[in-house]
Amino acid sequence: MIEFFINGQQVEVQLEDEQTIGDVLKSFESTCEENEAAVIGITVNGKQITADIFDEEAAKPLEKNTKFEFSIVTKNDIKEAFVKLSELFAELASQMENVPVALQSGKNLEVSESIKKLADSIDQFCHIATLASLFPETFKESSMSGMNFKDFFADFSPILKDFEDALQNNDTVMLGDLSEYEICPRLHEISKALKSM
């Protein structure tokens, strides 16, 4: 029996006259395209199909007990993720705005947590942005402060590094200035750009 799993859920699939593993993959991919989805991972009989072995595996004949597992992402998943991230960056922006006050009240741990959350959010954003590039016609490269995402984050990185150094050196004046005048406005920019995606 041929089994199909999509994102861990078993699904019923009607095969027509597919002869090879490649036929099934092609037909699945066009179904995905029709449904505004993209395949981000393929496993056949427990073996992950990477770009290097794709052609070789695709040429194999389809056997009766083949198990296909697909990881897919839809355009809608990405839109929802961007909306959530937009809210998250807006929330982080107001936390950054409050850093000077938090530091004066000795809430260094709170500030430290905010920075960790910020780093995680930027990682998350980069991951979603990579997936969004699978749908170039929908998610055109938005710009922030007239820069594309890559340049924006390249410009943002040293500021975060300075912030980290200031945190280690307990330089509260520097921390306050960076969070209020450098980090906070950029987070608002990200939030605004994501909202319009």
N, C-alpha and C. Protein backbone atom coordinates (compact mmCIF):
# COMPACT_ATOMS: atom_id res chain seq x y z
N MET A 1 0.84 -1.19 0.00
CA MET A 1 0.00 0.00 0.00
C MET A 1 0.88 1.26 0.00
N ILE A 2 0.53 2.19 -0.85
CA ILE A 2 1.29 3.44 -0.90
C ILE A 2 0.70 4.41 0.10
N GLU A 3 1.58 4.94 0.98
CA GLU A 3 1.11 5.85 2.03
C GLU A 3 1.63 7.26 1.78
N PHE A 4 0.81 8.23 2.11
CA PHE A 4 1.19 9.64 1.98
C PHE A 4 0.99 10.36 3.30
N PHE A 5 2.01 11.11 3.69
CA PHE A 5 1.91 11.94 4.89
C PHE A 5 2.29 13.37 4.50
N ILE A 6 1.48 14.32 4.94
CA ILE A 6 1.82 15.73 4.71
C ILE A 6 1.92 16.40 6.07
N ASN A 7 3.10 16.96 6.35
CA ASN A 7 3.36 17.58 7.65
C ASN A 7 2.93 16.66 8.81
N GLY A 8 3.24 15.37 8.66
CA GLY A 8 2.97 14.41 9.74
C GLY A 8 1.57 13.82 9.74
N GLN A 9 0.66 14.34 8.92
CA GLN A 9 -0.72 13.83 8.88
C GLN A 9 -0.88 12.89 7.68
N GLN A 10 -1.48 11.71 7.93
CA GLN A 10 -1.70 10.79 6.81
C GLN A 10 -2.86 11.31 5.96
N VAL A 11 -2.69 11.24 4.63
CA VAL A 11 -3.74 11.71 3.72
C VAL A 11 -4.02 10.64 2.67
N GLU A 12 -5.26 10.66 2.17
CA GLU A 12 -5.66 9.75 1.10
C GLU A 12 -5.28 10.40 -0.23
N VAL A 13 -4.57 9.68 -1.08
CA VAL A 13 -4.20 10.22 -2.38
C VAL A 13 -4.55 9.21 -3.46
N GLN A 14 -5.21 9.69 -4.52
CA GLN A 14 -5.54 8.83 -5.65
C GLN A 14 -4.44 8.93 -6.68
N LEU A 15 -3.77 7.82 -6.93
CA LEU A 15 -2.73 7.83 -7.96
C LEU A 15 -3.38 7.50 -9.29
N GLU A 16 -2.84 8.06 -10.37
CA GLU A 16 -3.39 7.77 -11.68
C GLU A 16 -2.51 6.72 -12.35
N ASP A 17 -1.57 7.15 -13.21
CA ASP A 17 -0.73 6.14 -13.84
C ASP A 17 0.74 6.41 -13.60
N GLU A 18 1.05 6.89 -12.38
CA GLU A 18 2.45 7.15 -12.03
C GLU A 18 3.23 5.85 -12.00
N GLN A 19 4.38 5.83 -12.68
CA GLN A 19 5.21 4.62 -12.76
C GLN A 19 6.44 4.70 -11.86
N THR A 20 6.95 5.93 -11.67
CA THR A 20 8.19 6.08 -10.90
C THR A 20 7.95 6.99 -9.70
N ILE A 21 8.91 7.01 -8.80
CA ILE A 21 8.86 7.91 -7.65
C ILE A 21 8.81 9.35 -8.16
N GLY A 22 9.59 9.62 -9.21
CA GLY A 22 9.61 10.96 -9.80
C GLY A 22 8.25 11.42 -10.32
N ASP A 23 7.48 10.48 -10.91
CA ASP A 23 6.13 10.82 -11.40
C ASP A 23 5.26 11.30 -10.24
N VAL A 24 5.34 10.58 -9.12
CA VAL A 24 4.54 10.94 -7.95
C VAL A 24 4.97 12.32 -7.42
N LEU A 25 6.30 12.53 -7.35
CA LEU A 25 6.80 13.81 -6.84
C LEU A 25 6.36 14.97 -7.73
N LYS A 26 6.44 14.75 -9.05
CA LYS A 26 6.03 15.80 -10.00
C LYS A 26 4.55 16.13 -9.83
N SER A 27 3.75 15.08 -9.76
CA SER A 27 2.31 15.28 -9.66
C SER A 27 1.96 15.95 -8.32
N PHE A 28 2.68 15.58 -7.25
CA PHE A 28 2.43 16.20 -5.94
C PHE A 28 2.82 17.68 -5.98
N GLU A 29 3.94 17.96 -6.64
CA GLU A 29 4.41 19.34 -6.72
C GLU A 29 3.41 20.22 -7.46
N SER A 30 2.83 19.71 -8.57
CA SER A 30 1.88 20.56 -9.29
C SER A 30 0.60 20.74 -8.48
N THR A 31 0.21 19.73 -7.69
CA THR A 31 -0.95 19.88 -6.79
C THR A 31 -0.66 20.98 -5.77
N CYS A 32 0.57 20.99 -5.26
CA CYS A 32 0.97 22.02 -4.30
C CYS A 32 0.87 23.41 -4.92
N GLU A 33 1.40 23.55 -6.13
CA GLU A 33 1.37 24.85 -6.80
C GLU A 33 -0.05 25.35 -6.98
N GLU A 34 -0.96 24.42 -7.37
CA GLU A 34 -2.37 24.80 -7.55
C GLU A 34 -2.97 25.29 -6.23
N ASN A 35 -2.45 24.78 -5.12
CA ASN A 35 -2.99 25.13 -3.80
C ASN A 35 -2.13 26.14 -3.04
N GLU A 36 -1.33 26.90 -3.77
CA GLU A 36 -0.46 27.93 -3.19
C GLU A 36 0.39 27.39 -2.04
N ALA A 37 1.02 26.24 -2.30
CA ALA A 37 1.90 25.63 -1.30
C ALA A 37 3.22 25.28 -1.97
N ALA A 38 4.24 25.06 -1.16
CA ALA A 38 5.55 24.66 -1.70
C ALA A 38 6.10 23.53 -0.85
N VAL A 39 6.78 22.60 -1.51
CA VAL A 39 7.38 21.46 -0.81
C VAL A 39 8.73 21.90 -0.25
N ILE A 40 8.94 21.68 1.06
CA ILE A 40 10.22 22.06 1.66
C ILE A 40 11.00 20.84 2.17
N GLY A 41 10.38 19.67 2.08
CA GLY A 41 11.09 18.46 2.49
C GLY A 41 10.40 17.22 1.95
N ILE A 42 11.19 16.24 1.50
CA ILE A 42 10.63 15.00 0.96
C ILE A 42 11.39 13.82 1.57
N THR A 43 10.62 12.86 2.07
CA THR A 43 11.21 11.62 2.56
C THR A 43 10.47 10.47 1.89
N VAL A 44 11.21 9.53 1.32
CA VAL A 44 10.60 8.36 0.69
C VAL A 44 11.14 7.13 1.39
N ASN A 45 10.22 6.33 1.95
CA ASN A 45 10.60 5.14 2.71
C ASN A 45 11.67 5.44 3.77
N GLY A 46 11.48 6.55 4.47
CA GLY A 46 12.39 6.90 5.56
C GLY A 46 13.69 7.55 5.11
N LYS A 47 13.88 7.70 3.80
CA LYS A 47 15.13 8.29 3.31
C LYS A 47 14.85 9.72 2.84
N GLN A 48 15.59 10.66 3.42
CA GLN A 48 15.40 12.05 3.02
C GLN A 48 15.95 12.27 1.62
N ILE A 49 15.12 12.88 0.76
CA ILE A 49 15.53 13.11 -0.62
C ILE A 49 16.12 14.52 -0.73
N THR A 50 17.42 14.59 -0.85
CA THR A 50 18.09 15.88 -0.98
C THR A 50 18.31 16.18 -2.46
N ALA A 51 18.70 17.39 -2.76
CA ALA A 51 18.92 17.80 -4.15
C ALA A 51 19.96 16.89 -4.83
N ASP A 52 20.99 16.46 -4.07
CA ASP A 52 22.07 15.63 -4.64
C ASP A 52 21.58 14.29 -5.17
N ILE A 53 20.60 13.69 -4.47
CA ILE A 53 20.18 12.33 -4.87
C ILE A 53 18.80 12.34 -5.53
N PHE A 54 18.23 13.52 -5.74
CA PHE A 54 16.86 13.62 -6.25
C PHE A 54 16.68 12.84 -7.56
N ASP A 55 17.54 13.12 -8.56
CA ASP A 55 17.36 12.50 -9.88
C ASP A 55 17.44 10.98 -9.81
N GLU A 56 18.41 10.52 -9.04
CA GLU A 56 18.63 9.07 -8.90
C GLU A 56 17.41 8.41 -8.24
N GLU A 57 16.89 9.03 -7.17
CA GLU A 57 15.73 8.47 -6.46
C GLU A 57 14.46 8.58 -7.31
N ALA A 58 14.33 9.70 -8.03
CA ALA A 58 13.13 9.94 -8.84
C ALA A 58 12.98 8.91 -9.95
N ALA A 59 14.11 8.37 -10.41
CA ALA A 59 14.09 7.41 -11.52
C ALA A 59 13.63 6.02 -11.06
N LYS A 60 13.62 5.78 -9.74
CA LYS A 60 13.27 4.44 -9.24
C LYS A 60 11.79 4.14 -9.49
N PRO A 61 11.49 2.86 -9.81
CA PRO A 61 10.09 2.50 -10.06
C PRO A 61 9.27 2.60 -8.77
N LEU A 62 8.00 2.91 -8.92
CA LEU A 62 7.09 3.03 -7.79
C LEU A 62 6.69 1.63 -7.34
N GLU A 63 6.94 1.32 -6.07
CA GLU A 63 6.57 0.00 -5.56
C GLU A 63 5.28 0.11 -4.75
N LYS A 64 4.66 -1.05 -4.52
CA LYS A 64 3.35 -1.06 -3.86
C LYS A 64 3.37 -0.57 -2.42
N ASN A 65 4.52 -0.72 -1.75
CA ASN A 65 4.53 -0.32 -0.34
C ASN A 65 5.46 0.88 -0.10
N THR A 66 5.28 1.89 -0.92
CA THR A 66 6.13 3.08 -0.77
C THR A 66 5.47 4.06 0.19
N LYS A 67 6.30 4.66 1.04
CA LYS A 67 5.77 5.66 1.99
C LYS A 67 6.39 7.01 1.65
N PHE A 68 5.53 7.96 1.31
CA PHE A 68 5.96 9.32 0.98
C PHE A 68 5.64 10.25 2.15
N GLU A 69 6.63 11.03 2.57
CA GLU A 69 6.37 12.04 3.60
C GLU A 69 6.81 13.39 3.06
N PHE A 70 5.89 14.34 3.06
CA PHE A 70 6.18 15.67 2.54
C PHE A 70 6.06 16.71 3.64
N SER A 71 6.99 17.65 3.65
CA SER A 71 6.83 18.84 4.50
C SER A 71 6.49 19.94 3.53
N ILE A 72 5.38 20.61 3.80
CA ILE A 72 5.00 21.70 2.90
C ILE A 72 4.74 22.97 3.71
N VAL A 73 4.79 24.08 3.01
CA VAL A 73 4.44 25.36 3.63
C VAL A 73 3.51 26.06 2.64
N THR A 74 2.47 26.71 3.15
CA THR A 74 1.55 27.40 2.26
C THR A 74 1.80 28.90 2.34
N LYS A 75 1.31 29.58 1.30
CA LYS A 75 1.42 31.04 1.26
C LYS A 75 0.77 31.63 2.50
N ASN A 76 -0.36 31.02 2.87
CA ASN A 76 -1.12 31.50 4.02
C ASN A 76 -0.33 31.34 5.33
N ASP A 77 0.37 30.20 5.47
CA ASP A 77 1.21 29.97 6.67
C ASP A 77 2.20 31.12 6.81
N ILE A 78 2.79 31.50 5.68
CA ILE A 78 3.83 32.54 5.70
C ILE A 78 3.21 33.89 6.05
N LYS A 79 2.04 34.19 5.44
CA LYS A 79 1.36 35.45 5.76
C LYS A 79 1.07 35.53 7.25
N GLU A 80 0.53 34.42 7.80
CA GLU A 80 0.21 34.39 9.24
C GLU A 80 1.46 34.57 10.09
N ALA A 81 2.55 33.92 9.68
CA ALA A 81 3.80 34.04 10.43
C ALA A 81 4.30 35.48 10.40
N PHE A 82 4.18 36.15 9.25
CA PHE A 82 4.62 37.54 9.15
C PHE A 82 3.76 38.46 10.05
N VAL A 83 2.45 38.19 10.11
CA VAL A 83 1.57 39.00 10.96
C VAL A 83 1.98 38.83 12.43
N LYS A 84 2.21 37.57 12.83
CA LYS A 84 2.63 37.30 14.22
C LYS A 84 3.96 37.98 14.52
N LEU A 85 4.89 37.87 13.58
CA LEU A 85 6.21 38.49 13.78
C LEU A 85 6.09 40.02 13.85
N SER A 86 5.19 40.57 13.04
CA SER A 86 4.99 42.02 13.05
C SER A 86 4.55 42.46 14.45
N GLU A 87 3.61 41.70 15.05
CA GLU A 87 3.15 42.02 16.41
C GLU A 87 4.28 41.86 17.41
N LEU A 88 5.06 40.78 17.23
CA LEU A 88 6.16 40.51 18.15
C LEU A 88 7.21 41.62 18.11
N PHE A 89 7.55 42.08 16.90
CA PHE A 89 8.55 43.15 16.79
C PHE A 89 8.01 44.47 17.37
N ALA A 90 6.70 44.71 17.23
CA ALA A 90 6.10 45.93 17.80
C ALA A 90 6.20 45.86 19.34
N GLU A 91 5.93 44.68 19.87
CA GLU A 91 6.01 44.47 21.33
C GLU A 91 7.47 44.63 21.81
N LEU A 92 8.41 44.07 21.05
CA LEU A 92 9.83 44.20 21.40
C LEU A 92 10.28 45.66 21.33
N ALA A 93 9.71 46.40 20.37
CA ALA A 93 10.07 47.82 20.24
C ALA A 93 9.69 48.57 21.52
N SER A 94 8.50 48.28 22.06
CA SER A 94 8.13 49.01 23.28
C SER A 94 8.95 48.53 24.47
N GLN A 95 9.35 47.26 24.48
CA GLN A 95 10.24 46.78 25.55
C GLN A 95 11.58 47.51 25.48
N MET A 96 12.08 47.70 24.26
CA MET A 96 13.37 48.38 24.07
C MET A 96 13.28 49.85 24.51
N GLU A 97 12.10 50.43 24.26
CA GLU A 97 11.88 51.82 24.65
C GLU A 97 11.98 51.97 26.17
N ASN A 98 11.58 50.90 26.87
CA ASN A 98 11.56 50.94 28.34
C ASN A 98 12.88 50.51 28.98
N VAL A 99 13.86 50.15 28.16
CA VAL A 99 15.14 49.68 28.70
C VAL A 99 15.78 50.68 29.66
N PRO A 100 15.87 51.99 29.29
CA PRO A 100 16.51 52.93 30.22
C PRO A 100 15.87 52.91 31.60
N VAL A 101 14.52 52.91 31.64
CA VAL A 101 13.79 52.89 32.91
C VAL A 101 14.04 51.57 33.64
N ALA A 102 13.99 50.46 32.89
CA ALA A 102 14.20 49.14 33.49
C ALA A 102 15.59 49.07 34.13
N LEU A 103 16.59 49.62 33.44
CA LEU A 103 17.97 49.60 33.96
C LEU A 103 18.10 50.44 35.23
N GLN A 104 17.43 51.60 35.23
CA GLN A 104 17.49 52.46 36.41
C GLN A 104 16.85 51.79 37.62
N SER A 105 15.84 50.92 37.34
CA SER A 105 15.20 50.23 38.46
C SER A 105 15.87 48.90 38.76
N GLY A 106 17.06 48.69 38.16
CA GLY A 106 17.82 47.47 38.44
C GLY A 106 17.23 46.20 37.85
N LYS A 107 16.42 46.33 36.80
CA LYS A 107 15.81 45.14 36.18
C LYS A 107 16.68 44.62 35.03
N ASN A 108 17.95 44.36 35.34
CA ASN A 108 18.89 43.92 34.30
C ASN A 108 18.49 42.59 33.69
N LEU A 109 17.92 41.71 34.50
CA LEU A 109 17.51 40.39 34.00
C LEU A 109 16.43 40.55 32.94
N GLU A 110 15.50 41.45 33.21
CA GLU A 110 14.41 41.73 32.28
C GLU A 110 14.98 42.21 30.93
N VAL A 111 15.96 43.09 30.99
CA VAL A 111 16.60 43.63 29.79
C VAL A 111 17.30 42.50 29.03
N SER A 112 17.97 41.65 29.79
CA SER A 112 18.67 40.51 29.22
C SER A 112 17.69 39.59 28.49
N GLU A 113 16.52 39.34 29.11
CA GLU A 113 15.47 38.50 28.50
C GLU A 113 14.98 39.12 27.19
N SER A 114 14.79 40.44 27.19
CA SER A 114 14.31 41.14 25.99
C SER A 114 15.28 40.94 24.84
N ILE A 115 16.58 41.02 25.15
CA ILE A 115 17.60 40.87 24.11
C ILE A 115 17.59 39.45 23.55
N LYS A 116 17.42 38.48 24.43
CA LYS A 116 17.38 37.08 23.98
C LYS A 116 16.16 36.89 23.06
N LYS A 117 15.04 37.46 23.47
CA LYS A 117 13.82 37.36 22.68
C LYS A 117 14.00 38.03 21.32
N LEU A 118 14.71 39.15 21.32
CA LEU A 118 14.97 39.88 20.08
C LEU A 118 15.82 39.03 19.13
N ALA A 119 16.87 38.41 19.66
CA ALA A 119 17.75 37.57 18.83
C ALA A 119 16.95 36.40 18.25
N ASP A 120 16.11 35.76 19.09
CA ASP A 120 15.28 34.64 18.61
C ASP A 120 14.33 35.10 17.51
N SER A 121 13.75 36.29 17.70
CA SER A 121 12.78 36.81 16.72
C SER A 121 13.45 37.09 15.39
N ILE A 122 14.69 37.59 15.43
CA ILE A 122 15.41 37.87 14.19
C ILE A 122 15.72 36.55 13.47
N ASP A 123 16.10 35.51 14.24
CA ASP A 123 16.32 34.18 13.64
C ASP A 123 15.06 33.67 12.98
N GLN A 124 13.95 33.80 13.71
CA GLN A 124 12.65 33.35 13.22
C GLN A 124 12.30 34.08 11.93
N PHE A 125 12.51 35.39 11.96
CA PHE A 125 12.23 36.22 10.79
C PHE A 125 13.04 35.74 9.58
N CYS A 126 14.33 35.48 9.78
CA CYS A 126 15.19 35.04 8.67
C CYS A 126 14.70 33.72 8.09
N HIS A 127 14.25 32.82 8.98
CA HIS A 127 13.73 31.52 8.54
C HIS A 127 12.47 31.71 7.67
N ILE A 128 11.53 32.54 8.16
CA ILE A 128 10.28 32.78 7.43
C ILE A 128 10.57 33.50 6.11
N ALA A 129 11.50 34.45 6.14
CA ALA A 129 11.84 35.20 4.92
C ALA A 129 12.40 34.25 3.86
N THR A 130 13.18 33.25 4.30
CA THR A 130 13.72 32.24 3.37
C THR A 130 12.57 31.45 2.74
N LEU A 131 11.58 31.05 3.56
CA LEU A 131 10.43 30.32 3.03
C LEU A 131 9.61 31.21 2.09
N ALA A 132 9.51 32.49 2.44
CA ALA A 132 8.73 33.42 1.61
C ALA A 132 9.32 33.53 0.21
N SER A 133 10.64 33.33 0.10
CA SER A 133 11.28 33.44 -1.21
C SER A 133 10.82 32.32 -2.16
N LEU A 134 10.10 31.30 -1.63
CA LEU A 134 9.53 30.25 -2.48
C LEU A 134 8.32 30.79 -3.26
N PHE A 135 7.79 31.93 -2.81
CA PHE A 135 6.63 32.53 -3.47
C PHE A 135 6.99 33.96 -3.89
N PRO A 136 7.92 34.10 -4.84
CA PRO A 136 8.44 35.44 -5.17
C PRO A 136 7.36 36.39 -5.70
N GLU A 137 6.31 35.83 -6.35
CA GLU A 137 5.30 36.73 -6.92
C GLU A 137 4.41 37.33 -5.82
N THR A 138 4.32 36.67 -4.67
CA THR A 138 3.49 37.18 -3.58
C THR A 138 4.30 38.04 -2.63
N PHE A 139 5.44 37.49 -2.21
CA PHE A 139 6.25 38.21 -1.23
C PHE A 139 7.41 38.89 -1.93
N LYS A 140 7.10 40.02 -2.53
CA LYS A 140 8.18 40.74 -3.19
C LYS A 140 9.06 41.28 -2.08
N GLU A 141 10.33 41.43 -2.37
CA GLU A 141 11.29 41.92 -1.37
C GLU A 141 10.82 43.29 -0.86
N SER A 142 10.30 43.33 0.34
CA SER A 142 9.91 44.62 0.92
C SER A 142 11.17 45.34 1.34
N SER A 143 11.05 46.66 1.43
CA SER A 143 12.25 47.36 1.90
C SER A 143 11.95 48.04 3.22
N MET A 144 12.99 48.21 4.01
CA MET A 144 12.89 48.89 5.28
C MET A 144 13.91 50.01 5.24
N SER A 145 13.46 51.21 5.49
CA SER A 145 14.32 52.40 5.39
C SER A 145 15.03 52.42 4.03
N GLY A 146 14.32 52.00 2.98
CA GLY A 146 14.89 52.03 1.64
C GLY A 146 15.93 50.95 1.38
N MET A 147 16.10 50.00 2.31
CA MET A 147 17.08 48.91 2.11
C MET A 147 16.35 47.59 2.01
N ASN A 148 16.95 46.61 1.33
CA ASN A 148 16.34 45.29 1.35
C ASN A 148 16.67 44.63 2.70
N PHE A 149 15.98 43.53 3.01
CA PHE A 149 16.15 42.88 4.31
C PHE A 149 17.60 42.58 4.64
N LYS A 150 18.30 42.05 3.65
CA LYS A 150 19.68 41.63 3.89
C LYS A 150 20.56 42.80 4.35
N ASP A 151 20.47 43.91 3.59
CA ASP A 151 21.27 45.10 3.94
C ASP A 151 20.82 45.70 5.26
N PHE A 152 19.50 45.67 5.48
CA PHE A 152 18.95 46.22 6.72
C PHE A 152 19.54 45.50 7.93
N PHE A 153 19.56 44.14 7.85
CA PHE A 153 20.08 43.37 8.99
C PHE A 153 21.60 43.45 9.09
N ALA A 154 22.26 43.62 7.94
CA ALA A 154 23.72 43.79 7.96
C ALA A 154 24.06 45.09 8.68
N ASP A 155 23.20 46.09 8.50
CA ASP A 155 23.37 47.39 9.13
C ASP A 155 22.99 47.33 10.62
N PHE A 156 22.03 46.46 10.93
CA PHE A 156 21.49 46.33 12.29
C PHE A 156 22.43 45.51 13.20
N SER A 157 23.10 44.53 12.61
CA SER A 157 23.97 43.61 13.38
C SER A 157 24.98 44.29 14.31
N PRO A 158 25.78 45.25 13.78
CA PRO A 158 26.78 45.87 14.66
C PRO A 158 26.15 46.60 15.86
N ILE A 159 24.94 47.13 15.66
CA ILE A 159 24.26 47.83 16.75
C ILE A 159 23.91 46.84 17.85
N LEU A 160 23.44 45.67 17.45
CA LEU A 160 23.10 44.63 18.44
C LEU A 160 24.37 44.16 19.16
N LYS A 161 25.47 44.10 18.41
CA LYS A 161 26.75 43.70 18.99
C LYS A 161 27.19 44.73 20.04
N ASP A 162 27.08 46.02 19.69
CA ASP A 162 27.41 47.08 20.65
C ASP A 162 26.55 46.98 21.89
N PHE A 163 25.27 46.65 21.68
CA PHE A 163 24.34 46.53 22.80
C PHE A 163 24.79 45.41 23.73
N GLU A 164 25.18 44.29 23.10
CA GLU A 164 25.64 43.13 23.87
C GLU A 164 26.88 43.49 24.69
N ASP A 165 27.82 44.21 24.05
CA ASP A 165 29.04 44.64 24.76
C ASP A 165 28.70 45.55 25.92
N ALA A 166 27.79 46.50 25.67
CA ALA A 166 27.40 47.45 26.72
C ALA A 166 26.75 46.71 27.89
N LEU A 167 26.02 45.65 27.55
CA LEU A 167 25.36 44.84 28.59
C LEU A 167 26.41 44.15 29.46
N GLN A 168 27.44 43.59 28.81
CA GLN A 168 28.51 42.91 29.55
C GLN A 168 29.31 43.89 30.40
N ASN A 169 29.49 45.11 29.88
CA ASN A 169 30.27 46.10 30.62
C ASN A 169 29.41 46.91 31.58
N ASN A 170 28.14 46.54 31.64
CA ASN A 170 27.20 47.23 32.52
C ASN A 170 27.17 48.74 32.24
N ASP A 171 27.30 49.12 30.98
CA ASP A 171 27.29 50.52 30.57
C ASP A 171 25.85 50.96 30.33
N THR A 172 25.17 51.36 31.42
CA THR A 172 23.73 51.65 31.33
C THR A 172 23.41 52.83 30.41
N VAL A 173 24.30 53.82 30.34
CA VAL A 173 24.05 54.98 29.48
C VAL A 173 24.02 54.54 28.02
N MET A 174 25.04 53.76 27.64
CA MET A 174 25.13 53.23 26.27
C MET A 174 23.91 52.35 25.96
N LEU A 175 23.56 51.48 26.90
CA LEU A 175 22.41 50.58 26.71
C LEU A 175 21.14 51.39 26.46
N GLY A 176 20.95 52.40 27.27
CA GLY A 176 19.75 53.24 27.15
C GLY A 176 19.69 53.92 25.80
N ASP A 177 20.83 54.53 25.40
CA ASP A 177 20.87 55.24 24.11
C ASP A 177 20.63 54.30 22.94
N LEU A 178 21.33 53.17 22.95
CA LEU A 178 21.19 52.21 21.84
C LEU A 178 19.75 51.71 21.73
N SER A 179 19.17 51.32 22.87
CA SER A 179 17.83 50.74 22.79
C SER A 179 16.81 51.78 22.33
N GLU A 180 16.93 53.01 22.85
CA GLU A 180 15.93 54.03 22.53
C GLU A 180 16.09 54.61 21.13
N TYR A 181 17.33 54.93 20.73
CA TYR A 181 17.54 55.66 19.47
C TYR A 181 17.94 54.80 18.29
N GLU A 182 18.48 53.61 18.55
CA GLU A 182 18.94 52.77 17.43
C GLU A 182 18.05 51.53 17.23
N ILE A 183 17.83 50.80 18.31
CA ILE A 183 17.12 49.52 18.18
C ILE A 183 15.61 49.73 18.02
N CYS A 184 15.03 50.51 18.91
CA CYS A 184 13.58 50.73 18.90
C CYS A 184 13.05 51.20 17.53
N PRO A 185 13.62 52.25 16.91
CA PRO A 185 13.09 52.68 15.60
C PRO A 185 13.21 51.58 14.54
N ARG A 186 14.27 50.80 14.60
CA ARG A 186 14.45 49.72 13.61
C ARG A 186 13.39 48.63 13.80
N LEU A 187 13.06 48.35 15.04
CA LEU A 187 12.04 47.31 15.29
C LEU A 187 10.68 47.79 14.77
N HIS A 188 10.40 49.08 14.93
CA HIS A 188 9.16 49.63 14.37
C HIS A 188 9.15 49.49 12.85
N GLU A 189 10.31 49.74 12.23
CA GLU A 189 10.44 49.59 10.77
C GLU A 189 10.12 48.15 10.34
N ILE A 190 10.73 47.18 11.06
CA ILE A 190 10.50 45.76 10.72
C ILE A 190 9.03 45.44 10.86
N SER A 191 8.44 45.85 11.97
CA SER A 191 7.03 45.57 12.23
C SER A 191 6.15 46.11 11.11
N LYS A 192 6.43 47.36 10.69
CA LYS A 192 5.66 48.01 9.63
C LYS A 192 5.82 47.26 8.30
N ALA A 193 7.06 46.88 7.98
CA ALA A 193 7.34 46.17 6.72
C ALA A 193 6.62 44.82 6.69
N LEU A 194 6.61 44.12 7.84
CA LEU A 194 5.98 42.80 7.89
C LEU A 194 4.47 42.92 7.76
N LYS A 195 3.90 43.98 8.32
CA LYS A 195 2.45 44.19 8.24
C LYS A 195 2.02 44.32 6.79
N SER A 196 2.89 44.94 5.98
CA SER A 196 2.50 45.19 4.58
C SER A 196 2.84 44.02 3.65
N MET A 197 3.38 42.93 4.19
CA MET A 197 3.75 41.79 3.35
C MET A 197 2.50 41.13 2.77
